[in-house]
mmCIF file of all heavy atoms, coordinates in Angstrom:
data_MODEL
# 
_entry.id   MODEL 
# 
loop_
_atom_site.group_PDB 
_atom_site.id 
_atom_site.type_symbol 
_atom_site.label_atom_id 
_atom_site.label_alt_id 
_atom_site.label_comp_id 
_atom_site.label_asym_id 
_atom_site.label_entity_id 
_atom_site.label_seq_id 
_atom_site.pdbx_PDB_ins_code 
_atom_site.Cartn_x 
_atom_site.Cartn_y 
_atom_site.Cartn_z 
_atom_site.occupancy 
_atom_site.B_iso_or_equiv 
_atom_site.pdbx_formal_charge 
_atom_site.auth_seq_id 
_atom_site.auth_comp_id 
_atom_site.auth_asym_id 
_atom_site.auth_atom_id 
_atom_site.pdbx_PDB_model_num 
ATOM 1   N N   . GLY A 1 1  ? 74.461 -34.116 136.899 1.00 0.00 ? 1  GLY A N   1 
ATOM 2   C CA  . GLY A 1 1  ? 74.167 -33.944 135.523 1.00 0.00 ? 1  GLY A CA  1 
ATOM 3   C C   . GLY A 1 1  ? 74.602 -32.645 134.876 1.00 0.00 ? 1  GLY A C   1 
ATOM 4   O O   . GLY A 1 1  ? 74.585 -32.497 133.641 1.00 0.00 ? 1  GLY A O   1 
ATOM 5   N N   . VAL A 1 2  ? 75.061 -31.704 135.679 1.00 0.00 ? 2  VAL A N   1 
ATOM 6   C CA  . VAL A 1 2  ? 75.532 -30.395 135.169 1.00 0.00 ? 2  VAL A CA  1 
ATOM 7   C C   . VAL A 1 2  ? 77.047 -30.538 134.899 1.00 0.00 ? 2  VAL A C   1 
ATOM 8   O O   . VAL A 1 2  ? 77.834 -30.778 135.853 1.00 0.00 ? 2  VAL A O   1 
ATOM 9   C CB  . VAL A 1 2  ? 75.239 -29.266 136.136 1.00 0.00 ? 2  VAL A CB  1 
ATOM 10  C CG1 . VAL A 1 2  ? 75.839 -27.954 135.617 1.00 0.00 ? 2  VAL A CG1 1 
ATOM 11  C CG2 . VAL A 1 2  ? 73.736 -29.156 136.375 1.00 0.00 ? 2  VAL A CG2 1 
ATOM 12  N N   . GLU A 1 3  ? 77.475 -30.308 133.666 1.00 0.00 ? 3  GLU A N   1 
ATOM 13  C CA  . GLU A 1 3  ? 78.905 -30.381 133.362 1.00 0.00 ? 3  GLU A CA  1 
ATOM 14  C C   . GLU A 1 3  ? 79.583 -29.147 133.939 1.00 0.00 ? 3  GLU A C   1 
ATOM 15  O O   . GLU A 1 3  ? 79.146 -28.067 133.725 1.00 0.00 ? 3  GLU A O   1 
ATOM 16  C CB  . GLU A 1 3  ? 79.133 -30.437 131.860 1.00 0.00 ? 3  GLU A CB  1 
ATOM 17  C CG  . GLU A 1 3  ? 80.556 -30.630 131.521 1.00 0.00 ? 3  GLU A CG  1 
ATOM 18  C CD  . GLU A 1 3  ? 80.870 -30.888 130.075 1.00 0.00 ? 3  GLU A CD  1 
ATOM 19  O OE1 . GLU A 1 3  ? 79.899 -31.159 129.294 1.00 0.00 ? 3  GLU A OE1 1 
ATOM 20  O OE2 . GLU A 1 3  ? 82.037 -30.767 129.662 1.00 0.00 ? 3  GLU A OE2 1 
ATOM 21  N N   . SER A 1 4  ? 80.628 -29.420 134.696 1.00 0.00 ? 4  SER A N   1 
ATOM 22  C CA  . SER A 1 4  ? 81.422 -28.304 135.290 1.00 0.00 ? 4  SER A CA  1 
ATOM 23  C C   . SER A 1 4  ? 82.925 -28.597 135.178 1.00 0.00 ? 4  SER A C   1 
ATOM 24  O O   . SER A 1 4  ? 83.688 -28.362 136.069 1.00 0.00 ? 4  SER A O   1 
ATOM 25  C CB  . SER A 1 4  ? 81.049 -28.153 136.765 1.00 0.00 ? 4  SER A CB  1 
ATOM 26  O OG  . SER A 1 4  ? 81.291 -29.354 137.494 1.00 0.00 ? 4  SER A OG  1 
ATOM 27  N N   . THR A 1 5  ? 83.282 -29.103 134.022 1.00 0.00 ? 5  THR A N   1 
ATOM 28  C CA  . THR A 1 5  ? 84.669 -29.446 133.740 1.00 0.00 ? 5  THR A CA  1 
ATOM 29  C C   . THR A 1 5  ? 85.474 -28.190 133.414 1.00 0.00 ? 5  THR A C   1 
ATOM 30  O O   . THR A 1 5  ? 84.892 -27.109 133.191 1.00 0.00 ? 5  THR A O   1 
ATOM 31  C CB  . THR A 1 5  ? 84.713 -30.431 132.528 1.00 0.00 ? 5  THR A CB  1 
ATOM 32  O OG1 . THR A 1 5  ? 84.172 -29.795 131.418 1.00 0.00 ? 5  THR A OG1 1 
ATOM 33  C CG2 . THR A 1 5  ? 83.962 -31.723 132.855 1.00 0.00 ? 5  THR A CG2 1 
ATOM 34  N N   . PRO A 1 6  ? 86.819 -28.321 133.365 1.00 0.00 ? 6  PRO A N   1 
ATOM 35  C CA  . PRO A 1 6  ? 87.641 -27.130 133.108 1.00 0.00 ? 6  PRO A CA  1 
ATOM 36  C C   . PRO A 1 6  ? 87.298 -26.402 131.781 1.00 0.00 ? 6  PRO A C   1 
ATOM 37  O O   . PRO A 1 6  ? 87.417 -25.249 131.671 1.00 0.00 ? 6  PRO A O   1 
ATOM 38  C CB  . PRO A 1 6  ? 89.050 -27.707 132.988 1.00 0.00 ? 6  PRO A CB  1 
ATOM 39  C CG  . PRO A 1 6  ? 89.018 -28.925 133.899 1.00 0.00 ? 6  PRO A CG  1 
ATOM 40  C CD  . PRO A 1 6  ? 87.642 -29.502 133.683 1.00 0.00 ? 6  PRO A CD  1 
ATOM 41  N N   . THR A 1 7  ? 86.860 -27.150 130.747 1.00 0.00 ? 7  THR A N   1 
ATOM 42  C CA  . THR A 1 7  ? 86.526 -26.493 129.485 1.00 0.00 ? 7  THR A CA  1 
ATOM 43  C C   . THR A 1 7  ? 85.165 -25.879 129.496 1.00 0.00 ? 7  THR A C   1 
ATOM 44  O O   . THR A 1 7  ? 84.869 -24.979 128.647 1.00 0.00 ? 7  THR A O   1 
ATOM 45  C CB  . THR A 1 7  ? 86.645 -27.542 128.322 1.00 0.00 ? 7  THR A CB  1 
ATOM 46  O OG1 . THR A 1 7  ? 85.757 -28.611 128.616 1.00 0.00 ? 7  THR A OG1 1 
ATOM 47  C CG2 . THR A 1 7  ? 88.029 -28.046 128.115 1.00 0.00 ? 7  THR A CG2 1 
ATOM 48  N N   . THR A 1 8  ? 84.322 -26.263 130.415 1.00 0.00 ? 8  THR A N   1 
ATOM 49  C CA  . THR A 1 8  ? 82.988 -25.754 130.495 1.00 0.00 ? 8  THR A CA  1 
ATOM 50  C C   . THR A 1 8  ? 82.781 -24.691 131.556 1.00 0.00 ? 8  THR A C   1 
ATOM 51  O O   . THR A 1 8  ? 82.060 -23.717 131.373 1.00 0.00 ? 8  THR A O   1 
ATOM 52  C CB  . THR A 1 8  ? 81.940 -26.869 130.803 1.00 0.00 ? 8  THR A CB  1 
ATOM 53  O OG1 . THR A 1 8  ? 82.119 -27.872 129.800 1.00 0.00 ? 8  THR A OG1 1 
ATOM 54  C CG2 . THR A 1 8  ? 80.552 -26.400 130.794 1.00 0.00 ? 8  THR A CG2 1 
ATOM 55  N N   . GLY A 1 9  ? 83.499 -24.772 132.668 1.00 0.00 ? 9  GLY A N   1 
ATOM 56  C CA  . GLY A 1 9  ? 83.348 -23.878 133.765 1.00 0.00 ? 9  GLY A CA  1 
ATOM 57  C C   . GLY A 1 9  ? 82.308 -24.338 134.747 1.00 0.00 ? 9  GLY A C   1 
ATOM 58  O O   . GLY A 1 9  ? 81.574 -25.335 134.503 1.00 0.00 ? 9  GLY A O   1 
ATOM 59  N N   . ASN A 1 10 ? 82.170 -23.613 135.856 1.00 0.00 ? 10 ASN A N   1 
ATOM 60  C CA  . ASN A 1 10 ? 81.237 -24.058 136.880 1.00 0.00 ? 10 ASN A CA  1 
ATOM 61  C C   . ASN A 1 10 ? 80.029 -23.156 137.106 1.00 0.00 ? 10 ASN A C   1 
ATOM 62  O O   . ASN A 1 10 ? 79.324 -23.286 138.120 1.00 0.00 ? 10 ASN A O   1 
ATOM 63  C CB  . ASN A 1 10 ? 81.992 -24.288 138.212 1.00 0.00 ? 10 ASN A CB  1 
ATOM 64  C CG  . ASN A 1 10 ? 82.348 -22.991 138.887 1.00 0.00 ? 10 ASN A CG  1 
ATOM 65  O OD1 . ASN A 1 10 ? 82.355 -21.943 138.262 1.00 0.00 ? 10 ASN A OD1 1 
ATOM 66  N ND2 . ASN A 1 10 ? 82.644 -23.071 140.171 1.00 0.00 ? 10 ASN A ND2 1 
ATOM 67  N N   . VAL A 1 11 ? 79.835 -22.160 136.216 1.00 0.00 ? 11 VAL A N   1 
ATOM 68  C CA  . VAL A 1 11 ? 78.771 -21.167 136.434 1.00 0.00 ? 11 VAL A CA  1 
ATOM 69  C C   . VAL A 1 11 ? 77.400 -21.845 136.541 1.00 0.00 ? 11 VAL A C   1 
ATOM 70  O O   . VAL A 1 11 ? 76.634 -21.477 137.509 1.00 0.00 ? 11 VAL A O   1 
ATOM 71  C CB  . VAL A 1 11 ? 78.772 -20.118 135.364 1.00 0.00 ? 11 VAL A CB  1 
ATOM 72  C CG1 . VAL A 1 11 ? 77.547 -19.209 135.474 1.00 0.00 ? 11 VAL A CG1 1 
ATOM 73  C CG2 . VAL A 1 11 ? 80.021 -19.280 135.444 1.00 0.00 ? 11 VAL A CG2 1 
ATOM 74  N N   . GLU A 1 12 ? 77.044 -22.756 135.725 1.00 0.00 ? 12 GLU A N   1 
ATOM 75  C CA  . GLU A 1 12 ? 75.733 -23.395 135.777 1.00 0.00 ? 12 GLU A CA  1 
ATOM 76  C C   . GLU A 1 12 ? 75.476 -24.143 137.072 1.00 0.00 ? 12 GLU A C   1 
ATOM 77  O O   . GLU A 1 12 ? 74.444 -23.992 137.731 1.00 0.00 ? 12 GLU A O   1 
ATOM 78  C CB  . GLU A 1 12 ? 75.534 -24.377 134.586 1.00 0.00 ? 12 GLU A CB  1 
ATOM 79  C CG  . GLU A 1 12 ? 74.142 -24.927 134.500 1.00 0.00 ? 12 GLU A CG  1 
ATOM 80  C CD  . GLU A 1 12 ? 73.931 -25.863 133.287 1.00 0.00 ? 12 GLU A CD  1 
ATOM 81  O OE1 . GLU A 1 12 ? 74.857 -25.918 132.426 1.00 0.00 ? 12 GLU A OE1 1 
ATOM 82  O OE2 . GLU A 1 12 ? 72.855 -26.470 133.253 1.00 0.00 ? 12 GLU A OE2 1 
ATOM 83  N N   . VAL A 1 13 ? 76.510 -24.914 137.507 1.00 0.00 ? 13 VAL A N   1 
ATOM 84  C CA  . VAL A 1 13 ? 76.308 -25.654 138.782 1.00 0.00 ? 13 VAL A CA  1 
ATOM 85  C C   . VAL A 1 13 ? 76.319 -24.693 139.959 1.00 0.00 ? 13 VAL A C   1 
ATOM 86  O O   . VAL A 1 13 ? 75.591 -24.907 140.948 1.00 0.00 ? 13 VAL A O   1 
ATOM 87  C CB  . VAL A 1 13 ? 77.350 -26.818 138.903 1.00 0.00 ? 13 VAL A CB  1 
ATOM 88  C CG1 . VAL A 1 13 ? 78.766 -26.252 139.218 1.00 0.00 ? 13 VAL A CG1 1 
ATOM 89  C CG2 . VAL A 1 13 ? 76.913 -27.810 139.893 1.00 0.00 ? 13 VAL A CG2 1 
ATOM 90  N N   . ALA A 1 14 ? 77.047 -23.601 139.878 1.00 0.00 ? 14 ALA A N   1 
ATOM 91  C CA  . ALA A 1 14 ? 77.075 -22.615 140.968 1.00 0.00 ? 14 ALA A CA  1 
ATOM 92  C C   . ALA A 1 14 ? 75.697 -21.934 141.042 1.00 0.00 ? 14 ALA A C   1 
ATOM 93  O O   . ALA A 1 14 ? 75.185 -21.700 142.135 1.00 0.00 ? 14 ALA A O   1 
ATOM 94  C CB  . ALA A 1 14 ? 78.210 -21.578 140.743 1.00 0.00 ? 14 ALA A CB  1 
ATOM 95  N N   . GLN A 1 15 ? 75.101 -21.618 139.948 1.00 0.00 ? 15 GLN A N   1 
ATOM 96  C CA  . GLN A 1 15 ? 73.788 -21.029 139.917 1.00 0.00 ? 15 GLN A CA  1 
ATOM 97  C C   . GLN A 1 15 ? 72.752 -21.959 140.496 1.00 0.00 ? 15 GLN A C   1 
ATOM 98  O O   . GLN A 1 15 ? 71.827 -21.528 141.237 1.00 0.00 ? 15 GLN A O   1 
ATOM 99  C CB  . GLN A 1 15 ? 73.369 -20.585 138.486 1.00 0.00 ? 15 GLN A CB  1 
ATOM 100 C CG  . GLN A 1 15 ? 74.173 -19.420 137.971 1.00 0.00 ? 15 GLN A CG  1 
ATOM 101 C CD  . GLN A 1 15 ? 73.971 -19.141 136.520 1.00 0.00 ? 15 GLN A CD  1 
ATOM 102 O OE1 . GLN A 1 15 ? 73.489 -19.983 135.715 1.00 0.00 ? 15 GLN A OE1 1 
ATOM 103 N NE2 . GLN A 1 15 ? 74.293 -17.883 136.098 1.00 0.00 ? 15 GLN A NE2 1 
ATOM 104 N N   . LEU A 1 16 ? 72.878 -23.266 140.181 1.00 0.00 ? 16 LEU A N   1 
ATOM 105 C CA  . LEU A 1 16 ? 71.969 -24.238 140.753 1.00 0.00 ? 16 LEU A CA  1 
ATOM 106 C C   . LEU A 1 16 ? 72.118 -24.343 142.319 1.00 0.00 ? 16 LEU A C   1 
ATOM 107 O O   . LEU A 1 16 ? 71.107 -24.346 143.030 1.00 0.00 ? 16 LEU A O   1 
ATOM 108 C CB  . LEU A 1 16 ? 72.230 -25.610 140.115 1.00 0.00 ? 16 LEU A CB  1 
ATOM 109 C CG  . LEU A 1 16 ? 71.303 -26.752 140.545 1.00 0.00 ? 16 LEU A CG  1 
ATOM 110 C CD1 . LEU A 1 16 ? 69.834 -26.387 140.198 1.00 0.00 ? 16 LEU A CD1 1 
ATOM 111 C CD2 . LEU A 1 16 ? 71.698 -28.030 139.804 1.00 0.00 ? 16 LEU A CD2 1 
ATOM 112 N N   . ALA A 1 17 ? 73.354 -24.369 142.756 1.00 0.00 ? 17 ALA A N   1 
ATOM 113 C CA  . ALA A 1 17 ? 73.635 -24.391 144.186 1.00 0.00 ? 17 ALA A CA  1 
ATOM 114 C C   . ALA A 1 17 ? 73.061 -23.113 144.845 1.00 0.00 ? 17 ALA A C   1 
ATOM 115 O O   . ALA A 1 17 ? 72.452 -23.223 145.932 1.00 0.00 ? 17 ALA A O   1 
ATOM 116 C CB  . ALA A 1 17 ? 75.118 -24.522 144.466 1.00 0.00 ? 17 ALA A CB  1 
ATOM 117 N N   . ALA A 1 18 ? 73.241 -21.998 144.261 1.00 0.00 ? 18 ALA A N   1 
ATOM 118 C CA  . ALA A 1 18 ? 72.716 -20.730 144.783 1.00 0.00 ? 18 ALA A CA  1 
ATOM 119 C C   . ALA A 1 18 ? 71.218 -20.752 144.881 1.00 0.00 ? 18 ALA A C   1 
ATOM 120 O O   . ALA A 1 18 ? 70.630 -20.346 145.894 1.00 0.00 ? 18 ALA A O   1 
ATOM 121 C CB  . ALA A 1 18 ? 73.224 -19.526 143.898 1.00 0.00 ? 18 ALA A CB  1 
ATOM 122 N N   . GLN A 1 19 ? 70.579 -21.264 143.868 1.00 0.00 ? 19 GLN A N   1 
ATOM 123 C CA  . GLN A 1 19 ? 69.145 -21.386 143.863 1.00 0.00 ? 19 GLN A CA  1 
ATOM 124 C C   . GLN A 1 19 ? 68.609 -22.229 145.012 1.00 0.00 ? 19 GLN A C   1 
ATOM 125 O O   . GLN A 1 19 ? 67.704 -21.874 145.724 1.00 0.00 ? 19 GLN A O   1 
ATOM 126 C CB  . GLN A 1 19 ? 68.647 -21.975 142.497 1.00 0.00 ? 19 GLN A CB  1 
ATOM 127 C CG  . GLN A 1 19 ? 67.143 -22.296 142.429 1.00 0.00 ? 19 GLN A CG  1 
ATOM 128 C CD  . GLN A 1 19 ? 66.800 -23.120 141.232 1.00 0.00 ? 19 GLN A CD  1 
ATOM 129 O OE1 . GLN A 1 19 ? 67.456 -23.023 140.199 1.00 0.00 ? 19 GLN A OE1 1 
ATOM 130 N NE2 . GLN A 1 19 ? 65.759 -23.881 141.322 1.00 0.00 ? 19 GLN A NE2 1 
ATOM 131 N N   . TRP A 1 20 ? 69.260 -23.390 145.205 1.00 0.00 ? 20 TRP A N   1 
ATOM 132 C CA  . TRP A 1 20 ? 68.810 -24.282 146.260 1.00 0.00 ? 20 TRP A CA  1 
ATOM 133 C C   . TRP A 1 20 ? 69.088 -23.681 147.651 1.00 0.00 ? 20 TRP A C   1 
ATOM 134 O O   . TRP A 1 20 ? 68.317 -23.846 148.520 1.00 0.00 ? 20 TRP A O   1 
ATOM 135 C CB  . TRP A 1 20 ? 69.548 -25.644 146.146 1.00 0.00 ? 20 TRP A CB  1 
ATOM 136 C CG  . TRP A 1 20 ? 69.028 -26.417 144.982 1.00 0.00 ? 20 TRP A CG  1 
ATOM 137 C CD1 . TRP A 1 20 ? 67.882 -26.232 144.262 1.00 0.00 ? 20 TRP A CD1 1 
ATOM 138 C CD2 . TRP A 1 20 ? 69.659 -27.555 144.388 1.00 0.00 ? 20 TRP A CD2 1 
ATOM 139 N NE1 . TRP A 1 20 ? 67.787 -27.150 143.235 1.00 0.00 ? 20 TRP A NE1 1 
ATOM 140 C CE2 . TRP A 1 20 ? 68.855 -27.936 143.345 1.00 0.00 ? 20 TRP A CE2 1 
ATOM 141 C CE3 . TRP A 1 20 ? 70.846 -28.242 144.671 1.00 0.00 ? 20 TRP A CE3 1 
ATOM 142 C CZ2 . TRP A 1 20 ? 69.209 -29.074 142.506 1.00 0.00 ? 20 TRP A CZ2 1 
ATOM 143 C CZ3 . TRP A 1 20 ? 71.160 -29.378 143.885 1.00 0.00 ? 20 TRP A CZ3 1 
ATOM 144 C CH2 . TRP A 1 20 ? 70.347 -29.741 142.781 1.00 0.00 ? 20 TRP A CH2 1 
ATOM 145 N N   . CYS A 1 21 ? 70.184 -22.923 147.785 1.00 0.00 ? 21 CYS A N   1 
ATOM 146 C CA  . CYS A 1 21 ? 70.456 -22.253 149.055 1.00 0.00 ? 21 CYS A CA  1 
ATOM 147 C C   . CYS A 1 21 ? 69.352 -21.192 149.337 1.00 0.00 ? 21 CYS A C   1 
ATOM 148 O O   . CYS A 1 21 ? 68.903 -21.072 150.464 1.00 0.00 ? 21 CYS A O   1 
ATOM 149 C CB  . CYS A 1 21 ? 71.814 -21.588 149.048 1.00 0.00 ? 21 CYS A CB  1 
ATOM 150 S SG  . CYS A 1 21 ? 73.209 -22.805 149.197 1.00 0.00 ? 21 CYS A SG  1 
ATOM 151 N N   . ARG A 1 22 ? 68.995 -20.458 148.330 1.00 0.00 ? 22 ARG A N   1 
ATOM 152 C CA  . ARG A 1 22 ? 67.927 -19.435 148.451 1.00 0.00 ? 22 ARG A CA  1 
ATOM 153 C C   . ARG A 1 22 ? 66.633 -20.100 148.877 1.00 0.00 ? 22 ARG A C   1 
ATOM 154 O O   . ARG A 1 22 ? 65.853 -19.576 149.659 1.00 0.00 ? 22 ARG A O   1 
ATOM 155 C CB  . ARG A 1 22 ? 67.779 -18.637 147.175 1.00 0.00 ? 22 ARG A CB  1 
ATOM 156 C CG  . ARG A 1 22 ? 68.897 -17.638 146.942 1.00 0.00 ? 22 ARG A CG  1 
ATOM 157 C CD  . ARG A 1 22 ? 68.631 -16.783 145.734 1.00 0.00 ? 22 ARG A CD  1 
ATOM 158 N NE  . ARG A 1 22 ? 69.788 -15.891 145.475 1.00 0.00 ? 22 ARG A NE  1 
ATOM 159 C CZ  . ARG A 1 22 ? 70.673 -16.105 144.454 1.00 0.00 ? 22 ARG A CZ  1 
ATOM 160 N NH1 . ARG A 1 22 ? 70.507 -17.062 143.606 1.00 0.00 ? 22 ARG A NH1 1 
ATOM 161 N NH2 . ARG A 1 22 ? 71.645 -15.278 144.319 1.00 0.00 ? 22 ARG A NH2 1 
ATOM 162 N N   . GLU A 1 23 ? 66.314 -21.290 148.260 1.00 0.00 ? 23 GLU A N   1 
ATOM 163 C CA  . GLU A 1 23 ? 65.078 -21.973 148.541 1.00 0.00 ? 23 GLU A CA  1 
ATOM 164 C C   . GLU A 1 23 ? 64.932 -22.355 150.003 1.00 0.00 ? 23 GLU A C   1 
ATOM 165 O O   . GLU A 1 23 ? 63.818 -22.444 150.513 1.00 0.00 ? 23 GLU A O   1 
ATOM 166 C CB  . GLU A 1 23 ? 64.948 -23.246 147.666 1.00 0.00 ? 23 GLU A CB  1 
ATOM 167 C CG  . GLU A 1 23 ? 64.636 -22.927 146.214 1.00 0.00 ? 23 GLU A CG  1 
ATOM 168 C CD  . GLU A 1 23 ? 64.615 -24.214 145.341 1.00 0.00 ? 23 GLU A CD  1 
ATOM 169 O OE1 . GLU A 1 23 ? 64.683 -25.296 145.886 1.00 0.00 ? 23 GLU A OE1 1 
ATOM 170 O OE2 . GLU A 1 23 ? 64.561 -24.014 144.122 1.00 0.00 ? 23 GLU A OE2 1 
ATOM 171 N N   . ILE A 1 24 ? 66.037 -22.594 150.704 1.00 0.00 ? 24 ILE A N   1 
ATOM 172 C CA  . ILE A 1 24 ? 65.954 -22.934 152.090 1.00 0.00 ? 24 ILE A CA  1 
ATOM 173 C C   . ILE A 1 24 ? 66.199 -21.709 152.998 1.00 0.00 ? 24 ILE A C   1 
ATOM 174 O O   . ILE A 1 24 ? 66.376 -21.891 154.222 1.00 0.00 ? 24 ILE A O   1 
ATOM 175 C CB  . ILE A 1 24 ? 66.965 -24.056 152.504 1.00 0.00 ? 24 ILE A CB  1 
ATOM 176 C CG1 . ILE A 1 24 ? 68.340 -23.670 152.243 1.00 0.00 ? 24 ILE A CG1 1 
ATOM 177 C CG2 . ILE A 1 24 ? 66.574 -25.328 151.749 1.00 0.00 ? 24 ILE A CG2 1 
ATOM 178 C CD1 . ILE A 1 24 ? 69.403 -24.655 152.827 1.00 0.00 ? 24 ILE A CD1 1 
ATOM 179 N N   . GLY A 1 25 ? 66.223 -20.496 152.410 1.00 0.00 ? 25 GLY A N   1 
ATOM 180 C CA  . GLY A 1 25 ? 66.230 -19.273 153.210 1.00 0.00 ? 25 GLY A CA  1 
ATOM 181 C C   . GLY A 1 25 ? 67.586 -18.674 153.465 1.00 0.00 ? 25 GLY A C   1 
ATOM 182 O O   . GLY A 1 25 ? 67.648 -17.759 154.214 1.00 0.00 ? 25 GLY A O   1 
ATOM 183 N N   . LEU A 1 26 ? 68.598 -19.170 152.792 1.00 0.00 ? 26 LEU A N   1 
ATOM 184 C CA  . LEU A 1 26 ? 69.927 -18.557 152.963 1.00 0.00 ? 26 LEU A CA  1 
ATOM 185 C C   . LEU A 1 26 ? 70.054 -17.308 152.110 1.00 0.00 ? 26 LEU A C   1 
ATOM 186 O O   . LEU A 1 26 ? 69.419 -17.247 151.065 1.00 0.00 ? 26 LEU A O   1 
ATOM 187 C CB  . LEU A 1 26 ? 70.983 -19.543 152.677 1.00 0.00 ? 26 LEU A CB  1 
ATOM 188 C CG  . LEU A 1 26 ? 71.089 -20.804 153.539 1.00 0.00 ? 26 LEU A CG  1 
ATOM 189 C CD1 . LEU A 1 26 ? 72.138 -21.785 153.030 1.00 0.00 ? 26 LEU A CD1 1 
ATOM 190 C CD2 . LEU A 1 26 ? 71.398 -20.402 154.976 1.00 0.00 ? 26 LEU A CD2 1 
ATOM 191 N N   . ASN A 1 27 ? 70.852 -16.396 152.538 1.00 0.00 ? 27 ASN A N   1 
ATOM 192 C CA  . ASN A 1 27 ? 71.184 -15.231 151.778 1.00 0.00 ? 27 ASN A CA  1 
ATOM 193 C C   . ASN A 1 27 ? 72.360 -15.556 150.923 1.00 0.00 ? 27 ASN A C   1 
ATOM 194 O O   . ASN A 1 27 ? 73.414 -15.984 151.465 1.00 0.00 ? 27 ASN A O   1 
ATOM 195 C CB  . ASN A 1 27 ? 71.508 -14.012 152.660 1.00 0.00 ? 27 ASN A CB  1 
ATOM 196 C CG  . ASN A 1 27 ? 70.269 -13.559 153.356 1.00 0.00 ? 27 ASN A CG  1 
ATOM 197 O OD1 . ASN A 1 27 ? 69.451 -12.878 152.795 1.00 0.00 ? 27 ASN A OD1 1 
ATOM 198 N ND2 . ASN A 1 27 ? 70.087 -13.974 154.622 1.00 0.00 ? 27 ASN A ND2 1 
ATOM 199 N N   . VAL A 1 28 ? 72.303 -15.363 149.595 1.00 0.00 ? 28 VAL A N   1 
ATOM 200 C CA  . VAL A 1 28 ? 73.320 -15.845 148.690 1.00 0.00 ? 28 VAL A CA  1 
ATOM 201 C C   . VAL A 1 28 ? 73.957 -14.731 147.898 1.00 0.00 ? 28 VAL A C   1 
ATOM 202 O O   . VAL A 1 28 ? 73.223 -13.823 147.418 1.00 0.00 ? 28 VAL A O   1 
ATOM 203 C CB  . VAL A 1 28 ? 72.704 -16.903 147.740 1.00 0.00 ? 28 VAL A CB  1 
ATOM 204 C CG1 . VAL A 1 28 ? 73.713 -17.350 146.730 1.00 0.00 ? 28 VAL A CG1 1 
ATOM 205 C CG2 . VAL A 1 28 ? 72.170 -18.114 148.500 1.00 0.00 ? 28 VAL A CG2 1 
# 
């Protein structure tokens, strides 16, 4: 559901992935 197209960029989806990685205890 997060738009990450060339005109939008991927920052929002990257931040979401980083959040989920932190939730499982990874250092991000």
